[in-house]
Amino acid sequence: MGSKDHVASPSFTIAREYRSPKLTLKHLDFHRLDDAGIVKHELAEALEDSNTVVAIEWADAVRDILPKVRLTITVNTLSENEREIEIKCSKQLNYLIEGIKHADSDN
C-alpha cells in the first residue's frame, strides 16, 4: 500500500489504522471479545468507505455486519509446525487471489 506507518498487532487496542497516499488500512482484532460493542459502529463506517481496506481477525463478533462480497482467509492449525490456509472470496474479488494462484503454480 505504500504506508510508512509502524505496523503493530491490534490485539490489546482492538483497532489500528495505517494510512498511505491512496488507501487506509483498518486492522481490527476481536480475539478477546464476544461482543464488538462500540467498535462495531466504527467497523460499519469503515466498510462503507471505498478508500478503506478492512482486515479483521476473529470476525465472529461482527459476522452479522460483514459484507457478502469479501475475502476470507482461515488459518487452521494441523500440528505445532503445520498450518493449512483456506482462502474463500466472492467472485467479484477473484482478482485479489489470482497472484496467489500464479505464484503457487510457479513452484
PDB file of N, CA and C in Angstrom:
ATOM      1  N   MET A   1       0.817  -1.204   0.000  1.00  0.00           N
ATOM      2  CA  MET A   1       0.000   0.000   0.000  1.00  0.00           C
ATOM      3  C   MET A   1       0.851   1.253   0.000  1.00  0.00           C
ATOM      4  N   GLY A   2       2.087   1.130   0.432  1.00  0.00           N
ATOM      5  CA  GLY A   2       2.944   2.300   0.455  1.00  0.00           C
ATOM      6  C   GLY A   2       2.904   3.085   1.753  1.00  0.00           C
ATOM      7  N   SER A   3       2.295   2.530   2.792  1.00  0.00           N
ATOM      8  CA  SER A   3       2.248   3.220   4.073  1.00  0.00           C
ATOM      9  C   SER A   3       3.614   3.181   4.741  1.00  0.00           C
ATOM     10  N   LYS A   4       3.978   4.253   5.389  1.00  0.00           N
ATOM     11  CA  LYS A   4       5.232   4.317   6.135  1.00  0.00           C
ATOM     12  C   LYS A   4       4.988   4.180   7.638  1.00  0.00           C
ATOM     13  N   ASP A   5       3.727   3.901   8.014  1.00  0.00           N
ATOM     14  CA  ASP A   5       3.363   3.754   9.416  1.00  0.00           C
ATOM     15  C   ASP A   5       3.984   2.490  10.009  1.00  0.00           C
ATOM     16  N   HIS A   6       4.339   2.557  11.291  1.00  0.00           N
ATOM     17  CA  HIS A   6       4.819   1.382  12.020  1.00  0.00           C
ATOM     18  C   HIS A   6       3.640   0.429  12.208  1.00  0.00           C
ATOM     19  N   VAL A   7       3.828  -0.837  11.872  1.00  0.00           N
ATOM     20  CA  VAL A   7       2.758  -1.828  11.972  1.00  0.00           C
ATOM     21  C   VAL A   7       2.918  -2.612  13.269  1.00  0.00           C
ATOM     22  N   ALA A   8       1.827  -2.714  14.031  1.00  0.00           N
ATOM     23  CA  ALA A   8       1.821  -3.462  15.280  1.00  0.00           C
ATOM     24  C   ALA A   8       0.484  -4.191  15.406  1.00  0.00           C
ATOM     25  N   SER A   9       0.474  -5.245  16.160  1.00  0.00           N
ATOM     26  CA  SER A   9      -0.746  -6.029  16.358  1.00  0.00           C
ATOM     27  C   SER A   9      -1.784  -5.218  17.142  1.00  0.00           C
ATOM     28  N   PRO A  10      -3.052  -5.300  16.733  1.00  0.00           N
ATOM     29  CA  PRO A  10      -4.099  -4.604  17.479  1.00  0.00           C
ATOM     30  C   PRO A  10      -4.717  -5.469  18.579  1.00  0.00           C
ATOM     31  N   SER A  11      -4.045  -6.540  18.985  1.00  0.00           N
ATOM     32  CA  SER A  11      -4.617  -7.476  19.962  1.00  0.00           C
ATOM     33  C   SER A  11      -5.151  -6.799  21.220  1.00  0.00           C
ATOM     34  N   PHE A  12      -4.432  -5.845  21.763  1.00  0.00           N
ATOM     35  CA  PHE A  12      -4.862  -5.215  23.015  1.00  0.00           C
ATOM     36  C   PHE A  12      -5.591  -3.898  22.785  1.00  0.00           C
ATOM     37  N   THR A  13      -5.354  -3.264  21.634  1.00  0.00           N
ATOM     38  CA  THR A  13      -6.019  -1.993  21.346  1.00  0.00           C
ATOM     39  C   THR A  13      -7.284  -2.202  20.520  1.00  0.00           C
ATOM     40  N   ILE A  14      -7.493  -3.371  20.004  1.00  0.00           N
ATOM     41  CA  ILE A  14      -8.610  -3.795  19.173  1.00  0.00           C
ATOM     42  C   ILE A  14      -8.518  -3.255  17.747  1.00  0.00           C
ATOM     43  N   ALA A  15      -8.139  -1.998  17.558  1.00  0.00           N
ATOM     44  CA  ALA A  15      -8.092  -1.431  16.209  1.00  0.00           C
ATOM     45  C   ALA A  15      -6.822  -0.615  15.992  1.00  0.00           C
ATOM     46  N   ARG A  16      -6.280  -0.748  14.794  1.00  0.00           N
ATOM     47  CA  ARG A  16      -5.150   0.076  14.354  1.00  0.00           C
ATOM     48  C   ARG A  16      -5.455   0.542  12.935  1.00  0.00           C
ATOM     49  N   GLU A  17      -4.909   1.695  12.601  1.00  0.00           N
ATOM     50  CA  GLU A  17      -5.154   2.271  11.279  1.00  0.00           C
ATOM     51  C   GLU A  17      -3.824   2.686  10.661  1.00  0.00           C
ATOM     52  N   TYR A  18      -3.665   2.371   9.394  1.00  0.00           N
ATOM     53  CA  TYR A  18      -2.448   2.713   8.657  1.00  0.00           C
ATOM     54  C   TYR A  18      -2.858   3.467   7.403  1.00  0.00           C
ATOM     55  N   ARG A  19      -2.187   4.571   7.145  1.00  0.00           N
ATOM     56  CA  ARG A  19      -2.541   5.416   6.003  1.00  0.00           C
ATOM     57  C   ARG A  19      -1.451   5.387   4.949  1.00  0.00           C
ATOM     58  N   SER A  20      -1.899   5.417   3.710  1.00  0.00           N
ATOM     59  CA  SER A  20      -0.993   5.552   2.577  1.00  0.00           C
ATOM     60  C   SER A  20      -1.568   6.666   1.706  1.00  0.00           C
ATOM     61  N   PRO A  21      -0.859   7.067   0.671  1.00  0.00           N
ATOM     62  CA  PRO A  21      -1.389   8.166  -0.153  1.00  0.00           C
ATOM     63  C   PRO A  21      -2.768   7.891  -0.760  1.00  0.00           C
ATOM     64  N   LYS A  22      -3.083   6.624  -1.064  1.00  0.00           N
ATOM     65  CA  LYS A  22      -4.358   6.333  -1.728  1.00  0.00           C
ATOM     66  C   LYS A  22      -5.375   5.608  -0.866  1.00  0.00           C
ATOM     67  N   LEU A  23      -4.905   4.805   0.092  1.00  0.00           N
ATOM     68  CA  LEU A  23      -5.816   3.971   0.873  1.00  0.00           C
ATOM     69  C   LEU A  23      -5.510   4.052   2.359  1.00  0.00           C
ATOM     70  N   THR A  24      -6.498   3.649   3.138  1.00  0.00           N
ATOM     71  CA  THR A  24      -6.324   3.463   4.565  1.00  0.00           C
ATOM     72  C   THR A  24      -6.590   1.991   4.854  1.00  0.00           C
ATOM     73  N   LEU A  25      -5.757   1.385   5.697  1.00  0.00           N
ATOM     74  CA  LEU A  25      -5.976   0.016   6.145  1.00  0.00           C
ATOM     75  C   LEU A  25      -6.424   0.066   7.592  1.00  0.00           C
ATOM     76  N   LYS A  26      -7.599  -0.461   7.855  1.00  0.00           N
ATOM     77  CA  LYS A  26      -8.112  -0.546   9.221  1.00  0.00           C
ATOM     78  C   LYS A  26      -7.999  -2.017   9.612  1.00  0.00           C
ATOM     79  N   HIS A  27      -7.196  -2.290  10.649  1.00  0.00           N
ATOM     80  CA  HIS A  27      -6.933  -3.648  11.110  1.00  0.00           C
ATOM     81  C   HIS A  27      -7.565  -3.816  12.484  1.00  0.00           C
ATOM     82  N   LEU A  28      -8.506  -4.740  12.583  1.00  0.00           N
ATOM     83  CA  LEU A  28      -9.226  -4.971  13.834  1.00  0.00           C
ATOM     84  C   LEU A  28      -9.000  -6.397  14.313  1.00  0.00           C
ATOM     85  N   ASP A  29      -8.906  -6.575  15.612  1.00  0.00           N
ATOM     86  CA  ASP A  29      -8.706  -7.900  16.195  1.00  0.00           C
ATOM     87  C   ASP A  29      -9.712  -8.078  17.329  1.00  0.00           C
ATOM     88  N   PHE A  30     -10.687  -8.977  17.120  1.00  0.00           N
ATOM     89  CA  PHE A  30     -11.737  -9.208  18.107  1.00  0.00           C
ATOM     90  C   PHE A  30     -11.498 -10.478  18.914  1.00  0.00           C
ATOM     91  N   HIS A  31     -10.257 -10.925  18.987  1.00  0.00           N
ATOM     92  CA  HIS A  31      -9.923 -12.186  19.651  1.00  0.00           C
ATOM     93  C   HIS A  31     -10.474 -12.289  21.060  1.00  0.00           C
ATOM     94  N   ARG A  32     -10.410 -11.260  21.830  1.00  0.00           N
ATOM     95  CA  ARG A  32     -10.797 -11.314  23.243  1.00  0.00           C
ATOM     96  C   ARG A  32     -12.233 -10.868  23.494  1.00  0.00           C
ATOM     97  N   LEU A  33     -12.996 -10.615  22.426  1.00  0.00           N
ATOM     98  CA  LEU A  33     -14.343 -10.069  22.603  1.00  0.00           C
ATOM     99  C   LEU A  33     -15.430 -11.021  22.119  1.00  0.00           C
ATOM    100  N   ASP A  34     -16.470 -11.172  22.915  1.00  0.00           N
ATOM    101  CA  ASP A  34     -17.663 -11.898  22.465  1.00  0.00           C
ATOM    102  C   ASP A  34     -18.616 -10.942  21.769  1.00  0.00           C
ATOM    103  N   ASP A  35     -18.530  -9.663  22.161  1.00  0.00           N
ATOM    104  CA  ASP A  35     -19.384  -8.627  21.587  1.00  0.00           C
ATOM    105  C   ASP A  35     -18.483  -7.456  21.215  1.00  0.00           C
ATOM    106  N   ALA A  36     -18.609  -6.984  19.983  1.00  0.00           N
ATOM    107  CA  ALA A  36     -17.739  -5.915  19.483  1.00  0.00           C
ATOM    108  C   ALA A  36     -18.062  -4.550  20.085  1.00  0.00           C
ATOM    109  N   GLY A  37     -19.232  -4.388  20.658  1.00  0.00           N
ATOM    110  CA  GLY A  37     -19.596  -3.126  21.297  1.00  0.00           C
ATOM    111  C   GLY A  37     -19.537  -1.948  20.343  1.00  0.00           C
ATOM    112  N   ILE A  38     -19.016  -0.836  20.807  1.00  0.00           N
ATOM    113  CA  ILE A  38     -18.972   0.404  20.041  1.00  0.00           C
ATOM    114  C   ILE A  38     -18.068   0.288  18.810  1.00  0.00           C
ATOM    115  N   VAL A  39     -17.099  -0.613  18.862  1.00  0.00           N
ATOM    116  CA  VAL A  39     -16.193  -0.790  17.723  1.00  0.00           C
ATOM    117  C   VAL A  39     -16.962  -1.304  16.500  1.00  0.00           C
ATOM    118  N   LYS A  40     -18.087  -1.937  16.733  1.00  0.00           N
ATOM    119  CA  LYS A  40     -18.923  -2.433  15.641  1.00  0.00           C
ATOM    120  C   LYS A  40     -19.407  -1.275  14.759  1.00  0.00           C
ATOM    121  N   HIS A  41     -19.727  -0.148  15.375  1.00  0.00           N
ATOM    122  CA  HIS A  41     -20.171   1.031  14.620  1.00  0.00           C
ATOM    123  C   HIS A  41     -19.018   1.620  13.816  1.00  0.00           C
ATOM    124  N   GLU A  42     -17.837   1.649  14.413  1.00  0.00           N
ATOM    125  CA  GLU A  42     -16.633   2.120  13.718  1.00  0.00           C
ATOM    126  C   GLU A  42     -16.340   1.229  12.506  1.00  0.00           C
ATOM    127  N   LEU A  43     -16.482  -0.070  12.689  1.00  0.00           N
ATOM    128  CA  LEU A  43     -16.270  -1.025  11.596  1.00  0.00           C
ATOM    129  C   LEU A  43     -17.292  -0.819  10.489  1.00  0.00           C
ATOM    130  N   ALA A  44     -18.544  -0.642  10.837  1.00  0.00           N
ATOM    131  CA  ALA A  44     -19.592  -0.435   9.839  1.00  0.00           C
ATOM    132  C   ALA A  44     -19.284   0.782   8.968  1.00  0.00           C
ATOM    133  N   GLU A  45     -18.798   1.857   9.565  1.00  0.00           N
ATOM    134  CA  GLU A  45     -18.425   3.052   8.805  1.00  0.00           C
ATOM    135  C   GLU A  45     -17.247   2.764   7.878  1.00  0.00           C
ATOM    136  N   ALA A  46     -16.257   2.054   8.366  1.00  0.00           N
ATOM    137  CA  ALA A  46     -15.077   1.731   7.561  1.00  0.00           C
ATOM    138  C   ALA A  46     -15.452   0.853   6.372  1.00  0.00           C
ATOM    139  N   LEU A  47     -16.395  -0.067   6.567  1.00  0.00           N
ATOM    140  CA  LEU A  47     -16.818  -0.960   5.484  1.00  0.00           C
ATOM    141  C   LEU A  47     -17.509  -0.207   4.352  1.00  0.00           C
ATOM    142  N   GLU A  48     -18.073   0.950   4.650  1.00  0.00           N
ATOM    143  CA  GLU A  48     -18.752   1.746   3.638  1.00  0.00           C
ATOM    144  C   GLU A  48     -17.823   2.703   2.900  1.00  0.00           C
ATOM    145  N   ASP A  49     -16.600   2.865   3.388  1.00  0.00           N
ATOM    146  CA  ASP A  49     -15.638   3.796   2.794  1.00  0.00           C
ATOM    147  C   ASP A  49     -14.829   3.083   1.710  1.00  0.00           C
ATOM    148  N   SER A  50     -14.979   3.507   0.461  1.00  0.00           N
ATOM    149  CA  SER A  50     -14.305   2.847  -0.664  1.00  0.00           C
ATOM    150  C   SER A  50     -12.785   3.056  -0.656  1.00  0.00           C
ATOM    151  N   ASN A  51     -12.286   3.961   0.165  1.00  0.00           N
ATOM    152  CA  ASN A  51     -10.846   4.190   0.266  1.00  0.00           C
ATOM    153  C   ASN A  51     -10.227   3.478   1.467  1.00  0.00           C
ATOM    154  N   THR A  52     -10.998   2.601   2.099  1.00  0.00           N
ATOM    155  CA  THR A  52     -10.510   1.880   3.269  1.00  0.00           C
ATOM    156  C   THR A  52     -10.553   0.377   3.022  1.00  0.00           C
ATOM    157  N   VAL A  53      -9.428  -0.271   3.277  1.00  0.00           N
ATOM    158  CA  VAL A  53      -9.338  -1.724   3.256  1.00  0.00           C
ATOM    159  C   VAL A  53      -9.463  -2.169   4.702  1.00  0.00           C
ATOM    160  N   VAL A  54     -10.328  -3.142   4.967  1.00  0.00           N
ATOM    161  CA  VAL A  54     -10.563  -3.589   6.329  1.00  0.00           C
ATOM    162  C   VAL A  54     -10.065  -5.024   6.486  1.00  0.00           C
ATOM    163  N   ALA A  55      -9.197  -5.246   7.460  1.00  0.00           N
ATOM    164  CA  ALA A  55      -8.706  -6.580   7.801  1.00  0.00           C
ATOM    165  C   ALA A  55      -9.188  -6.896   9.210  1.00  0.00           C
ATOM    166  N   ILE A  56      -9.854  -8.043   9.364  1.00  0.00           N
ATOM    167  CA  ILE A  56     -10.440  -8.400  10.653  1.00  0.00           C
ATOM    168  C   ILE A  56      -9.942  -9.775  11.084  1.00  0.00           C
ATOM    169  N   GLU A  57      -9.444  -9.832  12.306  1.00  0.00           N
ATOM    170  CA  GLU A  57      -9.093 -11.110  12.903  1.00  0.00           C
ATOM    171  C   GLU A  57     -10.189 -11.492  13.886  1.00  0.00           C
ATOM    172  N   TRP A  58     -10.519 -12.769  13.928  1.00  0.00           N
ATOM    173  CA  TRP A  58     -11.542 -13.284  14.830  1.00  0.00           C
ATOM    174  C   TRP A  58     -12.862 -12.557  14.614  1.00  0.00           C
ATOM    175  N   ALA A  59     -13.388 -12.640  13.431  1.00  0.00           N
ATOM    176  CA  ALA A  59     -14.540 -11.852  12.993  1.00  0.00           C
ATOM    177  C   ALA A  59     -15.893 -12.341  13.495  1.00  0.00           C
ATOM    178  N   ASP A  60     -15.944 -13.403  14.277  1.00  0.00           N
ATOM    179  CA  ASP A  60     -17.235 -13.912  14.755  1.00  0.00           C
ATOM    180  C   ASP A  60     -18.062 -12.860  15.482  1.00  0.00           C
ATOM    181  N   ALA A  61     -17.412 -11.958  16.197  1.00  0.00           N
ATOM    182  CA  ALA A  61     -18.123 -10.928  16.969  1.00  0.00           C
ATOM    183  C   ALA A  61     -18.841  -9.918  16.079  1.00  0.00           C
ATOM    184  N   VAL A  62     -18.474  -9.863  14.795  1.00  0.00           N
ATOM    185  CA  VAL A  62     -19.089  -8.882  13.882  1.00  0.00           C
ATOM    186  C   VAL A  62     -19.640  -9.540  12.617  1.00  0.00           C
ATOM    187  N   ARG A  63     -19.783 -10.843  12.646  1.00  0.00           N
ATOM    188  CA  ARG A  63     -20.215 -11.595  11.471  1.00  0.00           C
ATOM    189  C   ARG A  63     -21.486 -11.017  10.838  1.00  0.00           C
ATOM    190  N   ASP A  64     -22.403 -10.522  11.652  1.00  0.00           N
ATOM    191  CA  ASP A  64     -23.686 -10.028  11.150  1.00  0.00           C
ATOM    192  C   ASP A  64     -23.581  -8.750  10.319  1.00  0.00           C
ATOM    193  N   ILE A  65     -22.481  -8.012  10.394  1.00  0.00           N
ATOM    194  CA  ILE A  65     -22.368  -6.789   9.590  1.00  0.00           C
ATOM    195  C   ILE A  65     -21.331  -6.906   8.474  1.00  0.00           C
ATOM    196  N   LEU A  66     -20.699  -8.057   8.340  1.00  0.00           N
ATOM    197  CA  LEU A  66     -19.703  -8.212   7.278  1.00  0.00           C
ATOM    198  C   LEU A  66     -20.382  -8.202   5.916  1.00  0.00           C
ATOM    199  N   PRO A  67     -19.738  -7.601   4.939  1.00  0.00           N
ATOM    200  CA  PRO A  67     -20.343  -7.568   3.605  1.00  0.00           C
ATOM    201  C   PRO A  67     -20.345  -8.965   2.973  1.00  0.00           C
ATOM    202  N   LYS A  68     -21.312  -9.217   2.107  1.00  0.00           N
ATOM    203  CA  LYS A  68     -21.366 -10.505   1.413  1.00  0.00           C
ATOM    204  C   LYS A  68     -20.192 -10.646   0.445  1.00  0.00           C
ATOM    205  N   VAL A  69     -19.788  -9.539  -0.142  1.00  0.00           N
ATOM    206  CA  VAL A  69     -18.640  -9.540  -1.048  1.00  0.00           C
ATOM    207  C   VAL A  69     -17.397  -9.307  -0.195  1.00  0.00           C
ATOM    208  N   ARG A  70     -16.641 -10.402   0.037  1.00  0.00           N
ATOM    209  CA  ARG A  70     -15.464 -10.297   0.889  1.00  0.00           C
ATOM    210  C   ARG A  70     -14.491 -11.428   0.604  1.00  0.00           C
ATOM    211  N   LEU A  71     -13.271 -11.234   1.058  1.00  0.00           N
ATOM    212  CA  LEU A  71     -12.207 -12.227   1.002  1.00  0.00           C
ATOM    213  C   LEU A  71     -12.017 -12.745   2.420  1.00  0.00           C
ATOM    214  N   THR A  72     -12.059 -14.057   2.590  1.00  0.00           N
ATOM    215  CA  THR A  72     -11.891 -14.663   3.907  1.00  0.00           C
ATOM    216  C   THR A  72     -10.697 -15.601   3.873  1.00  0.00           C
ATOM    217  N   ILE A  73      -9.788 -15.404   4.806  1.00  0.00           N
ATOM    218  CA  ILE A  73      -8.613 -16.270   4.934  1.00  0.00           C
ATOM    219  C   ILE A  73      -8.707 -16.949   6.297  1.00  0.00           C
ATOM    220  N   THR A  74      -8.707 -18.275   6.292  1.00  0.00           N
ATOM    221  CA  THR A  74      -8.775 -19.050   7.525  1.00  0.00           C
ATOM    222  C   THR A  74      -7.475 -19.821   7.683  1.00  0.00           C
ATOM    223  N   VAL A  75      -6.871 -19.703   8.851  1.00  0.00           N
ATOM    224  CA  VAL A  75      -5.642 -20.445   9.144  1.00  0.00           C
ATOM    225  C   VAL A  75      -6.005 -21.531  10.158  1.00  0.00           C
ATOM    226  N   ASN A  76      -5.849 -22.788   9.745  1.00  0.00           N
ATOM    227  CA  ASN A  76      -6.128 -23.925  10.613  1.00  0.00           C
ATOM    228  C   ASN A  76      -4.823 -24.534  11.098  1.00  0.00           C
ATOM    229  N   THR A  77      -4.747 -24.815  12.386  1.00  0.00           N
ATOM    230  CA  THR A  77      -3.564 -25.441  12.962  1.00  0.00           C
ATOM    231  C   THR A  77      -3.704 -26.951  12.828  1.00  0.00           C
ATOM    232  N   LEU A  78      -2.787 -27.564  12.075  1.00  0.00           N
ATOM    233  CA  LEU A  78      -2.800 -29.008  11.896  1.00  0.00           C
ATOM    234  C   LEU A  78      -1.899 -29.702  12.916  1.00  0.00           C
ATOM    235  N   SER A  79      -0.827 -29.048  13.259  1.00  0.00           N
ATOM    236  CA  SER A  79       0.089 -29.543  14.284  1.00  0.00           C
ATOM    237  C   SER A  79       0.911 -28.357  14.771  1.00  0.00           C
ATOM    238  N   GLU A  80       1.848 -28.583  15.664  1.00  0.00           N
ATOM    239  CA  GLU A  80       2.662 -27.499  16.200  1.00  0.00           C
ATOM    240  C   GLU A  80       3.413 -26.741  15.106  1.00  0.00           C
ATOM    241  N   ASN A  81       3.815 -27.432  14.067  1.00  0.00           N
ATOM    242  CA  ASN A  81       4.611 -26.822  12.996  1.00  0.00           C
ATOM    243  C   ASN A  81       3.910 -26.788  11.645  1.00  0.00           C
ATOM    244  N   GLU A  82       2.633 -27.093  11.614  1.00  0.00           N
ATOM    245  CA  GLU A  82       1.948 -27.207  10.330  1.00  0.00           C
ATOM    246  C   GLU A  82       0.628 -26.441  10.354  1.00  0.00           C
ATOM    247  N   ARG A  83       0.411 -25.647   9.314  1.00  0.00           N
ATOM    248  CA  ARG A  83      -0.819 -24.867   9.177  1.00  0.00           C
ATOM    249  C   ARG A  83      -1.425 -25.113   7.800  1.00  0.00           C
ATOM    250  N   GLU A  84      -2.723 -24.983   7.731  1.00  0.00           N
ATOM    251  CA  GLU A  84      -3.443 -25.060   6.465  1.00  0.00           C
ATOM    252  C   GLU A  84      -4.125 -23.713   6.273  1.00  0.00           C
ATOM    253  N   ILE A  85      -3.958 -23.131   5.099  1.00  0.00           N
ATOM    254  CA  ILE A  85      -4.560 -21.834   4.816  1.00  0.00           C
ATOM    255  C   ILE A  85      -5.664 -22.030   3.788  1.00  0.00           C
ATOM    256  N   GLU A  86      -6.850 -21.572   4.129  1.00  0.00           N
ATOM    257  CA  GLU A  86      -8.018 -21.675   3.251  1.00  0.00           C
ATOM    258  C   GLU A  86      -8.422 -20.261   2.843  1.00  0.00           C
ATOM    259  N   ILE A  87      -8.543 -20.032   1.541  1.00  0.00           N
ATOM    260  CA  ILE A  87      -8.921 -18.716   1.031  1.00  0.00           C
ATOM    261  C   ILE A  87     -10.240 -18.846   0.279  1.00  0.00           C
ATOM    262  N   LYS A  88     -11.212 -18.052   0.680  1.00  0.00           N
ATOM    263  CA  LYS A  88     -12.510 -18.013   0.014  1.00  0.00           C
ATOM    264  C   LYS A  88     -12.796 -16.565  -0.352  1.00  0.00           C
ATOM    265  N   CYS A  89     -13.361 -16.366  -1.529  1.00  0.00           N
ATOM    266  CA  CYS A  89     -13.753 -14.999  -1.859  1.00  0.00           C
ATOM    267  C   CYS A  89     -14.940 -14.995  -2.799  1.00  0.00           C
ATOM    268  N   SER A  90     -15.623 -13.893  -2.791  1.00  0.00           N
ATOM    269  CA  SER A  90     -16.733 -13.683  -3.708  1.00  0.00           C
ATOM    270  C   SER A  90     -16.169 -13.566  -5.119  1.00  0.00           C
ATOM    271  N   LYS A  91     -16.947 -13.954  -6.106  1.00  0.00           N
ATOM    272  CA  LYS A  91     -16.476 -13.917  -7.498  1.00  0.00           C
ATOM    273  C   LYS A  91     -15.965 -12.537  -7.896  1.00  0.00           C
ATOM    274  N   GLN A  92     -16.583 -11.492  -7.365  1.00  0.00           N
ATOM    275  CA  GLN A  92     -16.181 -10.129  -7.697  1.00  0.00           C
ATOM    276  C   GLN A  92     -14.751  -9.824  -7.241  1.00  0.00           C
ATOM    277  N   LEU A  93     -14.236 -10.602  -6.311  1.00  0.00           N
ATOM    278  CA  LEU A  93     -12.914 -10.347  -5.759  1.00  0.00           C
ATOM    279  C   LEU A  93     -11.867 -11.367  -6.209  1.00  0.00           C
ATOM    280  N   ASN A  94     -12.197 -12.198  -7.176  1.00  0.00           N
ATOM    281  CA  ASN A  94     -11.250 -13.210  -7.654  1.00  0.00           C
ATOM    282  C   ASN A  94      -9.909 -12.615  -8.064  1.00  0.00           C
ATOM    283  N   TYR A  95      -9.921 -11.400  -8.570  1.00  0.00           N
ATOM    284  CA  TYR A  95      -8.670 -10.762  -8.999  1.00  0.00           C
ATOM    285  C   TYR A  95      -7.675 -10.634  -7.847  1.00  0.00           C
ATOM    286  N   LEU A  96      -8.163 -10.603  -6.615  1.00  0.00           N
ATOM    287  CA  LEU A  96      -7.278 -10.472  -5.464  1.00  0.00           C
ATOM    288  C   LEU A  96      -6.440 -11.727  -5.222  1.00  0.00           C
ATOM    289  N   ILE A  97      -6.951 -12.884  -5.644  1.00  0.00           N
ATOM    290  CA  ILE A  97      -6.204 -14.115  -5.388  1.00  0.00           C
ATOM    291  C   ILE A  97      -5.526 -14.685  -6.636  1.00  0.00           C
ATOM    292  N   GLU A  98      -5.691 -14.037  -7.771  1.00  0.00           N
ATOM    293  CA  GLU A  98      -5.040 -14.526  -8.988  1.00  0.00           C
ATOM    294  C   GLU A  98      -3.524 -14.602  -8.831  1.00  0.00           C
ATOM    295  N   GLY A  99      -2.920 -13.617  -8.199  1.00  0.00           N
ATOM    296  CA  GLY A  99      -1.469 -13.623  -7.993  1.00  0.00           C
ATOM    297  C   GLY A  99      -1.021 -14.798  -7.148  1.00  0.00           C
ATOM    298  N   ILE A 100      -1.838 -15.182  -6.179  1.00  0.00           N
ATOM    299  CA  ILE A 100      -1.510 -16.324  -5.327  1.00  0.00           C
ATOM    300  C   ILE A 100      -1.528 -17.604  -6.156  1.00  0.00           C
ATOM    301  N   LYS A 101      -2.525 -17.756  -7.012  1.00  0.00           N
ATOM    302  CA  LYS A 101      -2.621 -18.947  -7.859  1.00  0.00           C
ATOM    303  C   LYS A 101      -1.408 -19.061  -8.769  1.00  0.00           C
ATOM    304  N   HIS A 102      -1.026 -17.936  -9.379  1.00  0.00           N
ATOM    305  CA  HIS A 102       0.114 -17.961 -10.301  1.00  0.00           C
ATOM    306  C   HIS A 102       1.416 -18.216  -9.571  1.00  0.00           C
ATOM    307  N   ALA A 103       1.576 -17.650  -8.396  1.00  0.00           N
ATOM    308  CA  ALA A 103       2.800 -17.853  -7.609  1.00  0.00           C
ATOM    309  C   ALA A 103       2.920 -19.316  -7.189  1.00  0.00           C
ATOM    310  N   ASP A 104       1.793 -19.933  -6.839  1.00  0.00           N
ATOM    311  CA  ASP A 104       1.800 -21.319  -6.423  1.00  0.00           C
ATOM    312  C   ASP A 104       2.150 -22.247  -7.594  1.00  0.00           C
ATOM    313  N   SER A 105       1.665 -21.938  -8.788  1.00  0.00           N
ATOM    314  CA  SER A 105       1.933 -22.796  -9.946  1.00  0.00           C
ATOM    315  C   SER A 105       3.366 -22.652 -10.433  1.00  0.00           C
ATOM    316  N   ASP A 106       4.064 -21.577 -10.041  1.00  0.00           N
ATOM    317  CA  ASP A 106       5.457 -21.380 -10.427  1.00  0.00           C
ATOM    318  C   ASP A 106       6.403 -22.265  -9.618  1.00  0.00           C
ATOM    319  N   ASN A 107       5.944 -22.808  -8.492  1.00  0.00           N
ATOM    320  CA  ASN A 107       6.813 -23.626  -7.618  1.00  0.00           C
ATOM    321  C   ASN A 107       6.781 -25.084  -7.987  1.00  0.00           C
TER     322      ASN A 107
END
